[in-house]
Amino acid sequence: MDVPSRPAVVLTRSLEDNQRLAHALRARGVCVHELPCLHIRYLQPVAPKPAQVAVFSSRHGVRGWLRSRLQLPEPCARAAVGPTTAAELAAAGLPARWVADPPEGNVLAQLLCRHLPAAARVLLVRGNLRAGKLEPILRTAGFELDSVQVYSNEEVDLPPTPPFPVAMVFCASPSAAHRLLAAHPWLQGAPFACIGGTTAHALQDLGIDAPVQMGKEFDNWLETLARAACSAENQSHT
């Protein structure tokens, strides 16, 4: 595998998800190196039981639900972990009543605890991996939880890559962080950026010091990563 000779921004999402950001960074002259750390396989679940609210924790959950062609049991409100997931729901004509901002499971769990009646049934539309505190908080609060798995976040082949100069690594999920560092432990000393607190905590547990939380806005991602690349380029010339 060819590796960059200049300080690179490393993108770890799927090639499809990386496309817009990679194009915008390259348009600014940033060296981009893609190491996709996940493969999404969509599933066909069985129809869920009736529930008061359906919780979508990711864009992949929304897409998996739409692909399944199942109908949400009525009456069933919708909740989303973050504005990005909420936007995916809205684009499908399924606006969310409750949205966690910042996009963290514990934030949405606390929001639902304030608005739902005791012992309400909550449908979790999810993948095969669990992360964050959403489920434990809801279960402790006494809600009845029912899960429907609409996708599988699967391992990918990450062949060993020799070290190269890194400006910043963008990691968008805990699973990507674990897979990336397991395959490329030499990246342990690189600066990392992520979207929210759940991935930041996962990175810190893996020994990454002070990952930058960029938030949900694409423009923030672009500016943060481009600035890191510019700084690394300048340092490489001194």
C-alpha atoms as a PDB file:
ATOM      1  CA  MET A   1       0.000   0.000   0.000  1.00  0.00           C
ATOM      2  CA  ASP A   2       1.278   3.451  -0.934  1.00  0.00           C
ATOM      3  CA  VAL A   3       1.622   5.742   2.062  1.00  0.00           C
ATOM      4  CA  PRO A   4       1.794   9.543   2.155  1.00  0.00           C
ATOM      5  CA  SER A   5       5.083  11.383   2.293  1.00  0.00           C
ATOM      6  CA  ARG A   6       3.356  14.558   3.576  1.00  0.00           C
ATOM      7  CA  PRO A   7       1.414  14.918   6.850  1.00  0.00           C
ATOM      8  CA  ALA A   8      -1.957  13.345   6.114  1.00  0.00           C
ATOM      9  CA  VAL A   9      -5.448  13.534   7.523  1.00  0.00           C
ATOM     10  CA  VAL A  10      -6.591   9.949   8.109  1.00  0.00           C
ATOM     11  CA  LEU A  11     -10.288   9.204   7.532  1.00  0.00           C
ATOM     12  CA  THR A  12     -11.706   6.021   9.029  1.00  0.00           C
ATOM     13  CA  ARG A  13     -15.336   5.938   7.925  1.00  0.00           C
ATOM     14  CA  SER A  14     -16.527   3.988   4.887  1.00  0.00           C
ATOM     15  CA  LEU A  15     -15.443   5.269   1.472  1.00  0.00           C
ATOM     16  CA  GLU A  16     -19.025   6.358   0.811  1.00  0.00           C
ATOM     17  CA  ASP A  17     -19.267   8.315   4.057  1.00  0.00           C
ATOM     18  CA  ASN A  18     -15.795   9.813   3.563  1.00  0.00           C
ATOM     19  CA  GLN A  19     -16.449  11.016   0.029  1.00  0.00           C
ATOM     20  CA  ARG A  20     -17.691  14.566   0.675  1.00  0.00           C
ATOM     21  CA  LEU A  21     -15.119  15.348   3.378  1.00  0.00           C
ATOM     22  CA  ALA A  22     -12.221  13.812   1.445  1.00  0.00           C
ATOM     23  CA  HIS A  23     -13.123  15.858  -1.642  1.00  0.00           C
ATOM     24  CA  ALA A  24     -13.381  19.106   0.350  1.00  0.00           C
ATOM     25  CA  LEU A  25     -10.053  18.520   2.098  1.00  0.00           C
ATOM     26  CA  ARG A  26      -8.248  17.674  -1.128  1.00  0.00           C
ATOM     27  CA  ALA A  27      -9.699  20.819  -2.711  1.00  0.00           C
ATOM     28  CA  ARG A  28      -7.812  22.729  -0.011  1.00  0.00           C
ATOM     29  CA  GLY A  29      -4.585  20.925  -0.823  1.00  0.00           C
ATOM     30  CA  VAL A  30      -4.769  18.604   2.199  1.00  0.00           C
ATOM     31  CA  CYS A  31      -3.174  15.180   1.895  1.00  0.00           C
ATOM     32  CA  VAL A  32      -5.903  12.610   2.711  1.00  0.00           C
ATOM     33  CA  HIS A  33      -5.336   8.932   3.499  1.00  0.00           C
ATOM     34  CA  GLU A  34      -8.378   6.678   3.886  1.00  0.00           C
ATOM     35  CA  LEU A  35      -8.381   3.652   6.184  1.00  0.00           C
ATOM     36  CA  PRO A  36     -12.023   2.478   6.274  1.00  0.00           C
ATOM     37  CA  CYS A  37     -12.642   0.694   9.561  1.00  0.00           C
ATOM     38  CA  LEU A  38     -16.164  -0.607   9.129  1.00  0.00           C
ATOM     39  CA  HIS A  39     -18.429  -2.447   6.744  1.00  0.00           C
ATOM     40  CA  ILE A  40     -22.194  -2.135   7.171  1.00  0.00           C
ATOM     41  CA  ARG A  41     -24.387  -5.115   6.282  1.00  0.00           C
ATOM     42  CA  TYR A  42     -28.098  -4.414   6.417  1.00  0.00           C
ATOM     43  CA  LEU A  43     -30.456  -7.054   7.829  1.00  0.00           C
ATOM     44  CA  GLN A  44     -34.111  -7.993   7.488  1.00  0.00           C
ATOM     45  CA  PRO A  45     -35.575  -7.968  11.029  1.00  0.00           C
ATOM     46  CA  VAL A  46     -38.918  -9.257  12.215  1.00  0.00           C
ATOM     47  CA  ALA A  47     -41.691  -6.773  12.948  1.00  0.00           C
ATOM     48  CA  PRO A  48     -41.341  -5.205  16.414  1.00  0.00           C
ATOM     49  CA  LYS A  49     -43.892  -5.100  19.210  1.00  0.00           C
ATOM     50  CA  PRO A  50     -45.892  -1.901  19.856  1.00  0.00           C
ATOM     51  CA  ALA A  51     -43.916   0.858  21.604  1.00  0.00           C
ATOM     52  CA  GLN A  52     -44.340   4.445  22.764  1.00  0.00           C
ATOM     53  CA  VAL A  53     -41.110   5.623  21.105  1.00  0.00           C
ATOM     54  CA  ALA A  54     -38.573   4.279  18.612  1.00  0.00           C
ATOM     55  CA  VAL A  55     -34.978   5.326  19.272  1.00  0.00           C
ATOM     56  CA  PHE A  56     -32.564   5.638  16.344  1.00  0.00           C
ATOM     57  CA  SER A  57     -28.939   5.873  17.425  1.00  0.00           C
ATOM     58  CA  SER A  58     -27.285   6.308  14.009  1.00  0.00           C
ATOM     59  CA  ARG A  59     -27.806   7.066  10.330  1.00  0.00           C
ATOM     60  CA  HIS A  60     -27.182   3.387   9.605  1.00  0.00           C
ATOM     61  CA  GLY A  61     -30.071   2.507  11.899  1.00  0.00           C
ATOM     62  CA  VAL A  62     -32.382   4.806   9.932  1.00  0.00           C
ATOM     63  CA  ARG A  63     -31.184   3.418   6.595  1.00  0.00           C
ATOM     64  CA  GLY A  64     -31.516  -0.169   7.829  1.00  0.00           C
ATOM     65  CA  TRP A  65     -35.051   0.479   9.037  1.00  0.00           C
ATOM     66  CA  LEU A  66     -36.047   2.017   5.699  1.00  0.00           C
ATOM     67  CA  ARG A  67     -34.507  -0.888   3.784  1.00  0.00           C
ATOM     68  CA  SER A  68     -36.488  -3.362   5.908  1.00  0.00           C
ATOM     69  CA  ARG A  69     -39.753  -1.761   4.731  1.00  0.00           C
ATOM     70  CA  LEU A  70     -41.240  -2.416   8.152  1.00  0.00           C
ATOM     71  CA  GLN A  71     -43.716   0.060   9.594  1.00  0.00           C
ATOM     72  CA  LEU A  72     -43.304   1.637  13.012  1.00  0.00           C
ATOM     73  CA  PRO A  73     -46.076   0.430  15.322  1.00  0.00           C
ATOM     74  CA  GLU A  74     -48.571   3.234  15.934  1.00  0.00           C
ATOM     75  CA  PRO A  75     -48.737   5.349  17.968  1.00  0.00           C
ATOM     76  CA  CYS A  76     -44.971   5.552  18.095  1.00  0.00           C
ATOM     77  CA  ALA A  77     -42.928   8.742  18.402  1.00  0.00           C
ATOM     78  CA  ARG A  78     -39.334   8.895  17.223  1.00  0.00           C
ATOM     79  CA  ALA A  79     -36.131   9.921  18.995  1.00  0.00           C
ATOM     80  CA  ALA A  80     -32.652  10.385  17.560  1.00  0.00           C
ATOM     81  CA  VAL A  81     -29.134  10.408  18.969  1.00  0.00           C
ATOM     82  CA  GLY A  82     -27.958  13.600  17.321  1.00  0.00           C
ATOM     83  CA  PRO A  83     -29.061  16.048  14.636  1.00  0.00           C
ATOM     84  CA  THR A  84     -27.410  14.016  11.858  1.00  0.00           C
ATOM     85  CA  THR A  85     -29.578  10.988  12.629  1.00  0.00           C
ATOM     86  CA  ALA A  86     -32.595  13.277  13.035  1.00  0.00           C
ATOM     87  CA  ALA A  87     -31.915  14.776   9.602  1.00  0.00           C
ATOM     88  CA  GLU A  88     -31.835  11.291   8.082  1.00  0.00           C
ATOM     89  CA  LEU A  89     -35.224  10.570   9.660  1.00  0.00           C
ATOM     90  CA  ALA A  90     -36.672  13.891   8.503  1.00  0.00           C
ATOM     91  CA  ALA A  91     -35.510  13.274   4.933  1.00  0.00           C
ATOM     92  CA  ALA A  92     -37.531  10.043   4.995  1.00  0.00           C
ATOM     93  CA  GLY A  93     -40.639  11.856   6.254  1.00  0.00           C
ATOM     94  CA  LEU A  94     -40.179  10.565   9.810  1.00  0.00           C
ATOM     95  CA  PRO A  95     -39.362  13.633  11.941  1.00  0.00           C
ATOM     96  CA  ALA A  96     -38.016  12.996  15.415  1.00  0.00           C
ATOM     97  CA  ARG A  97     -39.840  14.382  18.430  1.00  0.00           C
ATOM     98  CA  TRP A  98     -36.742  14.226  20.633  1.00  0.00           C
ATOM     99  CA  VAL A  99     -33.149  14.821  19.501  1.00  0.00           C
ATOM    100  CA  ALA A 100     -30.041  14.551  21.656  1.00  0.00           C
ATOM    101  CA  ASP A 101     -27.702  17.482  21.170  1.00  0.00           C
ATOM    102  CA  PRO A 102     -24.821  16.913  21.826  1.00  0.00           C
ATOM    103  CA  PRO A 103     -25.216  13.569  20.013  1.00  0.00           C
ATOM    104  CA  GLU A 104     -24.698  11.227  22.967  1.00  0.00           C
ATOM    105  CA  GLY A 105     -26.810   8.313  24.160  1.00  0.00           C
ATOM    106  CA  ASN A 106     -26.865   9.440  27.767  1.00  0.00           C
ATOM    107  CA  VAL A 107     -28.211  12.859  26.704  1.00  0.00           C
ATOM    108  CA  LEU A 108     -31.108  11.238  24.837  1.00  0.00           C
ATOM    109  CA  ALA A 109     -31.757   8.832  27.700  1.00  0.00           C
ATOM    110  CA  GLN A 110     -32.111  11.708  30.163  1.00  0.00           C
ATOM    111  CA  LEU A 111     -34.397  13.518  27.721  1.00  0.00           C
ATOM    112  CA  LEU A 112     -36.668  10.488  27.431  1.00  0.00           C
ATOM    113  CA  CYS A 113     -36.692  10.015  31.200  1.00  0.00           C
ATOM    114  CA  ARG A 114     -38.134  13.520  31.535  1.00  0.00           C
ATOM    115  CA  HIS A 115     -40.865  13.078  28.932  1.00  0.00           C
ATOM    116  CA  LEU A 116     -41.971   9.451  28.886  1.00  0.00           C
ATOM    117  CA  PRO A 117     -44.304   7.845  31.429  1.00  0.00           C
ATOM    118  CA  ALA A 118     -42.906   5.280  33.836  1.00  0.00           C
ATOM    119  CA  ALA A 119     -42.545   1.758  32.402  1.00  0.00           C
ATOM    120  CA  ALA A 120     -43.045   2.982  28.826  1.00  0.00           C
ATOM    121  CA  ARG A 121     -41.986   0.572  26.084  1.00  0.00           C
ATOM    122  CA  VAL A 122     -39.004   1.832  24.064  1.00  0.00           C
ATOM    123  CA  LEU A 123     -38.013   0.311  20.742  1.00  0.00           C
ATOM    124  CA  LEU A 124     -34.264   0.502  20.061  1.00  0.00           C
ATOM    125  CA  VAL A 125     -33.491   0.452  16.339  1.00  0.00           C
ATOM    126  CA  ARG A 126     -29.849  -0.505  16.305  1.00  0.00           C
ATOM    127  CA  GLY A 127     -26.885  -2.429  15.022  1.00  0.00           C
ATOM    128  CA  ASN A 128     -25.042  -5.357  16.540  1.00  0.00           C
ATOM    129  CA  LEU A 129     -22.657  -3.270  18.679  1.00  0.00           C
ATOM    130  CA  ARG A 130     -23.571  -1.452  21.871  1.00  0.00           C
ATOM    131  CA  ALA A 131     -21.815   1.719  22.997  1.00  0.00           C
ATOM    132  CA  GLY A 132     -22.557   4.515  25.414  1.00  0.00           C
ATOM    133  CA  LYS A 133     -25.014   4.732  28.276  1.00  0.00           C
ATOM    134  CA  LEU A 134     -28.383   4.900  26.525  1.00  0.00           C
ATOM    135  CA  GLU A 135     -29.594   1.392  27.318  1.00  0.00           C
ATOM    136  CA  PRO A 136     -28.316   1.185  30.928  1.00  0.00           C
ATOM    137  CA  ILE A 137     -29.923   4.517  31.838  1.00  0.00           C
ATOM    138  CA  LEU A 138     -33.272   3.604  30.273  1.00  0.00           C
ATOM    139  CA  ARG A 139     -33.266   0.156  31.868  1.00  0.00           C
ATOM    140  CA  THR A 140     -32.403   1.561  35.293  1.00  0.00           C
ATOM    141  CA  ALA A 141     -35.217   4.105  34.910  1.00  0.00           C
ATOM    142  CA  GLY A 142     -37.687   1.233  34.544  1.00  0.00           C
ATOM    143  CA  PHE A 143     -38.506   1.436  30.838  1.00  0.00           C
ATOM    144  CA  GLU A 144     -39.341  -1.752  28.965  1.00  0.00           C
ATOM    145  CA  LEU A 145     -36.795  -2.106  26.171  1.00  0.00           C
ATOM    146  CA  ASP A 146     -37.260  -3.970  22.921  1.00  0.00           C
ATOM    147  CA  SER A 147     -34.508  -4.116  20.290  1.00  0.00           C
ATOM    148  CA  VAL A 148     -34.684  -4.558  16.551  1.00  0.00           C
ATOM    149  CA  GLN A 149     -31.337  -5.087  14.842  1.00  0.00           C
ATOM    150  CA  VAL A 150     -31.384  -3.639  11.332  1.00  0.00           C
ATOM    151  CA  TYR A 151     -27.681  -3.698  10.491  1.00  0.00           C
ATOM    152  CA  SER A 152     -24.396  -5.311  11.402  1.00  0.00           C
ATOM    153  CA  ASN A 153     -21.188  -3.321  11.866  1.00  0.00           C
ATOM    154  CA  GLU A 154     -18.637  -5.859  10.673  1.00  0.00           C
ATOM    155  CA  GLU A 155     -14.894  -6.269  10.793  1.00  0.00           C
ATOM    156  CA  VAL A 156     -12.886  -5.149   7.787  1.00  0.00           C
ATOM    157  CA  ASP A 157      -9.516  -6.237   6.518  1.00  0.00           C
ATOM    158  CA  LEU A 158      -6.986  -3.654   7.656  1.00  0.00           C
ATOM    159  CA  PRO A 159      -3.615  -4.768   6.303  1.00  0.00           C
ATOM    160  CA  PRO A 160      -0.547  -3.500   8.168  1.00  0.00           C
ATOM    161  CA  THR A 161       0.502  -0.042   7.036  1.00  0.00           C
ATOM    162  CA  PRO A 162       4.010   1.289   7.602  1.00  0.00           C
ATOM    163  CA  PRO A 163       4.193   4.507   9.612  1.00  0.00           C
ATOM    164  CA  PHE A 164       3.733   7.760   7.724  1.00  0.00           C
ATOM    165  CA  PRO A 165       3.420  11.420   8.805  1.00  0.00           C
ATOM    166  CA  VAL A 166      -0.033  12.062  10.298  1.00  0.00           C
ATOM    167  CA  ALA A 167      -1.606  15.485  10.772  1.00  0.00           C
ATOM    168  CA  MET A 168      -4.776  14.171  12.460  1.00  0.00           C
ATOM    169  CA  VAL A 169      -6.935  11.044  12.547  1.00  0.00           C
ATOM    170  CA  PHE A 170     -10.714  11.464  12.277  1.00  0.00           C
ATOM    171  CA  CYS A 171     -12.468   8.632  14.129  1.00  0.00           C
ATOM    172  CA  ALA A 172     -16.276   8.716  14.069  1.00  0.00           C
ATOM    173  CA  SER A 173     -17.170   5.710  16.249  1.00  0.00           C
ATOM    174  CA  PRO A 174     -15.814   3.579  19.114  1.00  0.00           C
ATOM    175  CA  SER A 175     -15.713   0.497  16.870  1.00  0.00           C
ATOM    176  CA  ALA A 176     -13.557   2.332  14.322  1.00  0.00           C
ATOM    177  CA  ALA A 177     -11.206   3.471  17.093  1.00  0.00           C
ATOM    178  CA  HIS A 178     -10.725  -0.073  18.399  1.00  0.00           C
ATOM    179  CA  ARG A 179     -10.182  -1.579  14.958  1.00  0.00           C
ATOM    180  CA  LEU A 180      -7.838   1.160  13.768  1.00  0.00           C
ATOM    181  CA  LEU A 181      -5.528   1.016  16.774  1.00  0.00           C
ATOM    182  CA  ALA A 182      -5.557  -2.788  16.893  1.00  0.00           C
ATOM    183  CA  ALA A 183      -4.328  -2.888  13.285  1.00  0.00           C
ATOM    184  CA  HIS A 184      -2.049   0.175  13.469  1.00  0.00           C
ATOM    185  CA  PRO A 185      -0.774   0.590  17.043  1.00  0.00           C
ATOM    186  CA  TRP A 186       1.860   3.043  15.805  1.00  0.00           C
ATOM    187  CA  LEU A 187      -0.952   5.606  15.431  1.00  0.00           C
ATOM    188  CA  GLN A 188      -1.212   5.757  19.232  1.00  0.00           C
ATOM    189  CA  GLY A 189       0.887   8.910  19.289  1.00  0.00           C
ATOM    190  CA  ALA A 190      -1.033  10.755  16.561  1.00  0.00           C
ATOM    191  CA  PRO A 191      -3.553  13.542  17.272  1.00  0.00           C
ATOM    192  CA  PHE A 192      -7.157  12.361  17.024  1.00  0.00           C
ATOM    193  CA  ALA A 193     -10.445  14.106  16.351  1.00  0.00           C
ATOM    194  CA  CYS A 194     -13.974  12.772  16.778  1.00  0.00           C
ATOM    195  CA  ILE A 195     -17.562  13.982  16.691  1.00  0.00           C
ATOM    196  CA  GLY A 196     -18.837  13.568  20.238  1.00  0.00           C
ATOM    197  CA  GLY A 197     -18.243  12.362  23.758  1.00  0.00           C
ATOM    198  CA  THR A 198     -18.922   8.646  23.263  1.00  0.00           C
ATOM    199  CA  THR A 199     -16.068   8.221  20.784  1.00  0.00           C
ATOM    200  CA  ALA A 200     -13.864  10.611  22.763  1.00  0.00           C
ATOM    201  CA  HIS A 201     -14.256   8.430  25.868  1.00  0.00           C
ATOM    202  CA  ALA A 202     -13.479   5.301  23.832  1.00  0.00           C
ATOM    203  CA  LEU A 203     -10.320   6.923  22.455  1.00  0.00           C
ATOM    204  CA  GLN A 204      -9.220   7.979  25.928  1.00  0.00           C
ATOM    205  CA  ASP A 205      -9.759   4.422  27.178  1.00  0.00           C
ATOM    206  CA  LEU A 206      -7.449   3.311  24.360  1.00  0.00           C
ATOM    207  CA  GLY A 207      -4.739   5.696  25.558  1.00  0.00           C
ATOM    208  CA  ILE A 208      -5.330   8.657  23.218  1.00  0.00           C
ATOM    209  CA  ASP A 209      -4.674  11.918  25.029  1.00  0.00           C
ATOM    210  CA  ALA A 210      -7.163  14.790  24.617  1.00  0.00           C
ATOM    211  CA  PRO A 211      -8.975  13.874  21.385  1.00  0.00           C
ATOM    212  CA  VAL A 212     -10.525  16.945  19.779  1.00  0.00           C
ATOM    213  CA  GLN A 213     -14.336  16.898  19.789  1.00  0.00           C
ATOM    214  CA  MET A 214     -15.443  18.628  16.594  1.00  0.00           C
ATOM    215  CA  GLY A 215     -19.211  18.413  17.052  1.00  0.00           C
ATOM    216  CA  LYS A 216     -21.801  17.569  14.427  1.00  0.00           C
ATOM    217  CA  GLU A 217     -21.219  20.309  11.838  1.00  0.00           C
ATOM    218  CA  PHE A 218     -19.448  19.376   8.606  1.00  0.00           C
ATOM    219  CA  ASP A 219     -17.852  22.828   8.374  1.00  0.00           C
ATOM    220  CA  ASN A 220     -16.258  22.307  11.793  1.00  0.00           C
ATOM    221  CA  TRP A 221     -14.794  18.997  10.641  1.00  0.00           C
ATOM    222  CA  LEU A 222     -13.376  20.601   7.522  1.00  0.00           C
ATOM    223  CA  GLU A 223     -11.865  23.578   9.330  1.00  0.00           C
ATOM    224  CA  THR A 224     -10.406  21.521  12.194  1.00  0.00           C
ATOM    225  CA  LEU A 225      -8.806  18.925   9.931  1.00  0.00           C
ATOM    226  CA  ALA A 226      -7.537  21.455   7.384  1.00  0.00           C
ATOM    227  CA  ARG A 227      -6.027  23.550  10.175  1.00  0.00           C
ATOM    228  CA  ALA A 228      -4.301  20.485  11.643  1.00  0.00           C
ATOM    229  CA  ALA A 229      -2.895  19.604   8.227  1.00  0.00           C
ATOM    230  CA  CYS A 230      -1.602  23.148   7.686  1.00  0.00           C
ATOM    231  CA  SER A 231       0.061  23.183  11.099  1.00  0.00           C
ATOM    232  CA  ALA A 232       1.686  19.778  10.525  1.00  0.00           C
ATOM    233  CA  GLU A 233       2.953  20.880   7.096  1.00  0.00           C
ATOM    234  CA  ASN A 234       4.502  24.008   8.590  1.00  0.00           C
ATOM    235  CA  GLN A 235       6.185  22.028  11.359  1.00  0.00           C
ATOM    236  CA  SER A 236       7.593  19.541   8.828  1.00  0.00           C
ATOM    237  CA  HIS A 237       9.365  22.389   7.045  1.00  0.00           C
ATOM    238  CA  THR A 238      11.006  23.874  10.153  1.00  0.00           C
END
